[in-house]
Amino acid sequence: MPETLDPITLAPMPLVPRPGIVVGNISATCHKSSANEKIPTNTYLPIKR
């Protein structure tokens, strides 16, 4: 894992173990969708005036 530097002081920062993907001090955790998860759809419903 590459060394992370503090952007202000440019001092090395300690490594922090995190699950997922880590770039610098930014981390992203991927979640598996559950089987019964309802994903909203983008459906256009015309409105009569």
PDB file of N, CA and C in Angstrom:
ATOM      1  N   MET A   1       0.855  -1.176   0.000  1.00  0.00           N
ATOM      2  CA  MET A   1       0.000   0.000   0.000  1.00  0.00           C
ATOM      3  C   MET A   1       0.903   1.241   0.000  1.00  0.00           C
ATOM      4  N   PRO A   2       0.663   2.192  -0.902  1.00  0.00           N
ATOM      5  CA  PRO A   2       1.519   3.387  -0.942  1.00  0.00           C
ATOM      6  C   PRO A   2       1.319   4.266   0.287  1.00  0.00           C
ATOM      7  N   GLU A   3       2.358   5.026   0.580  1.00  0.00           N
ATOM      8  CA  GLU A   3       2.311   5.919   1.740  1.00  0.00           C
ATOM      9  C   GLU A   3       1.345   7.074   1.475  1.00  0.00           C
ATOM     10  N   THR A   4       0.604   7.465   2.514  1.00  0.00           N
ATOM     11  CA  THR A   4      -0.326   8.586   2.416  1.00  0.00           C
ATOM     12  C   THR A   4       0.286   9.779   3.128  1.00  0.00           C
ATOM     13  N   LEU A   5       0.268  10.937   2.468  1.00  0.00           N
ATOM     14  CA  LEU A   5       0.828  12.152   3.054  1.00  0.00           C
ATOM     15  C   LEU A   5      -0.279  13.124   3.415  1.00  0.00           C
ATOM     16  N   ASP A   6      -0.094  13.826   4.526  1.00  0.00           N
ATOM     17  CA  ASP A   6      -1.015  14.890   4.916  1.00  0.00           C
ATOM     18  C   ASP A   6      -0.875  16.005   3.886  1.00  0.00           C
ATOM     19  N   PRO A   7      -1.965  16.476   3.274  1.00  0.00           N
ATOM     20  CA  PRO A   7      -1.855  17.485   2.217  1.00  0.00           C
ATOM     21  C   PRO A   7      -1.341  18.837   2.700  1.00  0.00           C
ATOM     22  N   ILE A   8      -1.467  19.129   3.983  1.00  0.00           N
ATOM     23  CA  ILE A   8      -1.027  20.432   4.497  1.00  0.00           C
ATOM     24  C   ILE A   8       0.424  20.382   4.958  1.00  0.00           C
ATOM     25  N   THR A   9       0.754  19.387   5.786  1.00  0.00           N
ATOM     26  CA  THR A   9       2.103  19.310   6.352  1.00  0.00           C
ATOM     27  C   THR A   9       3.035  18.427   5.539  1.00  0.00           C
ATOM     28  N   LEU A  10       2.491  17.635   4.621  1.00  0.00           N
ATOM     29  CA  LEU A  10       3.234  16.659   3.827  1.00  0.00           C
ATOM     30  C   LEU A  10       3.924  15.610   4.690  1.00  0.00           C
ATOM     31  N   ALA A  11       3.461  15.457   5.942  1.00  0.00           N
ATOM     32  CA  ALA A  11       3.991  14.431   6.833  1.00  0.00           C
ATOM     33  C   ALA A  11       3.299  13.106   6.531  1.00  0.00           C
ATOM     34  N   PRO A  12       4.035  11.989   6.664  1.00  0.00           N
ATOM     35  CA  PRO A  12       3.395  10.683   6.439  1.00  0.00           C
ATOM     36  C   PRO A  12       2.292  10.431   7.455  1.00  0.00           C
ATOM     37  N   MET A  13       1.193   9.851   6.989  1.00  0.00           N
ATOM     38  CA  MET A  13       0.071   9.540   7.872  1.00  0.00           C
ATOM     39  C   MET A  13       0.055   8.044   8.134  1.00  0.00           C
ATOM     40  N   PRO A  14      -0.392   7.630   9.336  1.00  0.00           N
ATOM     41  CA  PRO A  14      -0.437   6.196   9.633  1.00  0.00           C
ATOM     42  C   PRO A  14      -1.486   5.491   8.778  1.00  0.00           C
ATOM     43  N   LEU A  15      -1.206   4.228   8.474  1.00  0.00           N
ATOM     44  CA  LEU A  15      -2.151   3.442   7.694  1.00  0.00           C
ATOM     45  C   LEU A  15      -3.336   3.055   8.555  1.00  0.00           C
ATOM     46  N   VAL A  16      -4.528   3.146   7.988  1.00  0.00           N
ATOM     47  CA  VAL A  16      -5.749   2.786   8.690  1.00  0.00           C
ATOM     48  C   VAL A  16      -6.376   1.627   7.933  1.00  0.00           C
ATOM     49  N   PRO A  17      -6.477   0.454   8.566  1.00  0.00           N
ATOM     50  CA  PRO A  17      -7.093  -0.674   7.856  1.00  0.00           C
ATOM     51  C   PRO A  17      -8.583  -0.440   7.650  1.00  0.00           C
ATOM     52  N   ARG A  18      -9.028  -0.539   6.406  1.00  0.00           N
ATOM     53  CA  ARG A  18     -10.441  -0.331   6.077  1.00  0.00           C
ATOM     54  C   ARG A  18     -10.861  -1.387   5.077  1.00  0.00           C
ATOM     55  N   PRO A  19     -12.077  -1.892   5.206  1.00  0.00           N
ATOM     56  CA  PRO A  19     -12.556  -2.835   4.196  1.00  0.00           C
ATOM     57  C   PRO A  19     -12.933  -2.091   2.920  1.00  0.00           C
ATOM     58  N   GLY A  20     -12.783  -2.731   1.804  1.00  0.00           N
ATOM     59  CA  GLY A  20     -13.192  -2.116   0.542  1.00  0.00           C
ATOM     60  C   GLY A  20     -12.017  -1.525  -0.204  1.00  0.00           C
ATOM     61  N   ILE A  21     -12.277  -0.512  -0.994  1.00  0.00           N
ATOM     62  CA  ILE A  21     -11.279   0.129  -1.834  1.00  0.00           C
ATOM     63  C   ILE A  21     -10.828   1.407  -1.146  1.00  0.00           C
ATOM     64  N   VAL A  22      -9.510   1.614  -1.055  1.00  0.00           N
ATOM     65  CA  VAL A  22      -8.981   2.804  -0.399  1.00  0.00           C
ATOM     66  C   VAL A  22      -8.021   3.495  -1.349  1.00  0.00           C
ATOM     67  N   VAL A  23      -8.239   4.797  -1.564  1.00  0.00           N
ATOM     68  CA  VAL A  23      -7.332   5.623  -2.343  1.00  0.00           C
ATOM     69  C   VAL A  23      -7.030   6.836  -1.493  1.00  0.00           C
ATOM     70  N   GLY A  24      -5.777   6.973  -1.058  1.00  0.00           N
ATOM     71  CA  GLY A  24      -5.437   8.055  -0.139  1.00  0.00           C
ATOM     72  C   GLY A  24      -6.214   7.880   1.143  1.00  0.00           C
ATOM     73  N   ASN A  25      -6.934   8.891   1.569  1.00  0.00           N
ATOM     74  CA  ASN A  25      -7.778   8.795   2.760  1.00  0.00           C
ATOM     75  C   ASN A  25      -9.245   8.622   2.395  1.00  0.00           C
ATOM     76  N   ILE A  26      -9.532   8.310   1.135  1.00  0.00           N
ATOM     77  CA  ILE A  26     -10.908   8.127   0.681  1.00  0.00           C
ATOM     78  C   ILE A  26     -11.156   6.633   0.532  1.00  0.00           C
ATOM     79  N   SER A  27     -12.229   6.135   1.151  1.00  0.00           N
ATOM     80  CA  SER A  27     -12.522   4.708   1.047  1.00  0.00           C
ATOM     81  C   SER A  27     -13.931   4.499   0.515  1.00  0.00           C
ATOM     82  N   ALA A  28     -14.120   3.393  -0.164  1.00  0.00           N
ATOM     83  CA  ALA A  28     -15.435   3.020  -0.684  1.00  0.00           C
ATOM     84  C   ALA A  28     -15.673   1.559  -0.362  1.00  0.00           C
ATOM     85  N   THR A  29     -16.832   1.262   0.183  1.00  0.00           N
ATOM     86  CA  THR A  29     -17.192  -0.106   0.505  1.00  0.00           C
ATOM     87  C   THR A  29     -18.299  -0.549  -0.438  1.00  0.00           C
ATOM     88  N   CYS A  30     -18.079  -1.652  -1.119  1.00  0.00           N
ATOM     89  CA  CYS A  30     -19.078  -2.180  -2.041  1.00  0.00           C
ATOM     90  C   CYS A  30     -20.041  -3.069  -1.265  1.00  0.00           C
ATOM     91  N   HIS A  31     -21.311  -2.898  -1.511  1.00  0.00           N
ATOM     92  CA  HIS A  31     -22.337  -3.681  -0.834  1.00  0.00           C
ATOM     93  C   HIS A  31     -23.044  -4.557  -1.852  1.00  0.00           C
ATOM     94  N   LYS A  32     -23.322  -5.777  -1.452  1.00  0.00           N
ATOM     95  CA  LYS A  32     -24.066  -6.686  -2.321  1.00  0.00           C
ATOM     96  C   LYS A  32     -25.553  -6.399  -2.142  1.00  0.00           C
ATOM     97  N   SER A  33     -26.268  -6.286  -3.232  1.00  0.00           N
ATOM     98  CA  SER A  33     -27.708  -6.032  -3.162  1.00  0.00           C
ATOM     99  C   SER A  33     -28.414  -7.243  -2.583  1.00  0.00           C
ATOM    100  N   SER A  34     -29.412  -6.987  -1.750  1.00  0.00           N
ATOM    101  CA  SER A  34     -30.187  -8.094  -1.199  1.00  0.00           C
ATOM    102  C   SER A  34     -31.154  -8.602  -2.261  1.00  0.00           C
ATOM    103  N   ALA A  35     -31.628  -9.818  -2.091  1.00  0.00           N
ATOM    104  CA  ALA A  35     -32.496 -10.447  -3.090  1.00  0.00           C
ATOM    105  C   ALA A  35     -33.836  -9.735  -3.218  1.00  0.00           C
ATOM    106  N   ASN A  36     -34.354  -9.172  -2.126  1.00  0.00           N
ATOM    107  CA  ASN A  36     -35.675  -8.540  -2.171  1.00  0.00           C
ATOM    108  C   ASN A  36     -35.598  -7.013  -2.172  1.00  0.00           C
ATOM    109  N   GLU A  37     -34.467  -6.466  -2.571  1.00  0.00           N
ATOM    110  CA  GLU A  37     -34.327  -5.013  -2.614  1.00  0.00           C
ATOM    111  C   GLU A  37     -35.156  -4.453  -3.767  1.00  0.00           C
ATOM    112  N   LYS A  38     -35.953  -3.431  -3.473  1.00  0.00           N
ATOM    113  CA  LYS A  38     -36.778  -2.812  -4.505  1.00  0.00           C
ATOM    114  C   LYS A  38     -36.056  -1.567  -5.022  1.00  0.00           C
ATOM    115  N   ILE A  39     -35.737  -1.573  -6.302  1.00  0.00           N
ATOM    116  CA  ILE A  39     -35.054  -0.450  -6.926  1.00  0.00           C
ATOM    117  C   ILE A  39     -36.107   0.422  -7.590  1.00  0.00           C
ATOM    118  N   PRO A  40     -36.158   1.715  -7.248  1.00  0.00           N
ATOM    119  CA  PRO A  40     -37.172   2.581  -7.865  1.00  0.00           C
ATOM    120  C   PRO A  40     -36.923   2.727  -9.365  1.00  0.00           C
ATOM    121  N   THR A  41     -38.009   2.820 -10.097  1.00  0.00           N
ATOM    122  CA  THR A  41     -37.888   2.994 -11.539  1.00  0.00           C
ATOM    123  C   THR A  41     -38.215   4.436 -11.896  1.00  0.00           C
ATOM    124  N   ASN A  42     -37.771   4.843 -13.038  1.00  0.00           N
ATOM    125  CA  ASN A  42     -38.038   6.185 -13.519  1.00  0.00           C
ATOM    126  C   ASN A  42     -39.125   6.058 -14.586  1.00  0.00           C
ATOM    127  N   THR A  43     -40.377   6.057 -14.146  1.00  0.00           N
ATOM    128  CA  THR A  43     -41.508   5.867 -15.049  1.00  0.00           C
ATOM    129  C   THR A  43     -42.224   7.194 -15.259  1.00  0.00           C
ATOM    130  N   TYR A  44     -42.452   7.534 -16.507  1.00  0.00           N
ATOM    131  CA  TYR A  44     -43.155   8.770 -16.831  1.00  0.00           C
ATOM    132  C   TYR A  44     -44.647   8.484 -16.895  1.00  0.00           C
ATOM    133  N   LEU A  45     -45.410   9.185 -16.074  1.00  0.00           N
ATOM    134  CA  LEU A  45     -46.866   9.052 -16.097  1.00  0.00           C
ATOM    135  C   LEU A  45     -47.464  10.381 -16.552  1.00  0.00           C
ATOM    136  N   PRO A  46     -48.099  10.402 -17.735  1.00  0.00           N
ATOM    137  CA  PRO A  46     -48.691  11.655 -18.205  1.00  0.00           C
ATOM    138  C   PRO A  46     -49.859  12.077 -17.312  1.00  0.00           C
ATOM    139  N   ILE A  47     -49.977  13.376 -17.115  1.00  0.00           N
ATOM    140  CA  ILE A  47     -51.063  13.929 -16.293  1.00  0.00           C
ATOM    141  C   ILE A  47     -52.015  14.673 -17.219  1.00  0.00           C
ATOM    142  N   LYS A  48     -53.305  14.310 -17.156  1.00  0.00           N
ATOM    143  CA  LYS A  48     -54.305  14.988 -17.979  1.00  0.00           C
ATOM    144  C   LYS A  48     -54.640  16.321 -17.336  1.00  0.00           C
ATOM    145  N   ARG A  49     -54.745  17.350 -18.169  1.00  0.00           N
ATOM    146  CA  ARG A  49     -55.080  18.683 -17.662  1.00  0.00           C
ATOM    147  C   ARG A  49     -56.471  19.050 -18.043  1.00  0.00           C
TER     148      ARG A  49
END
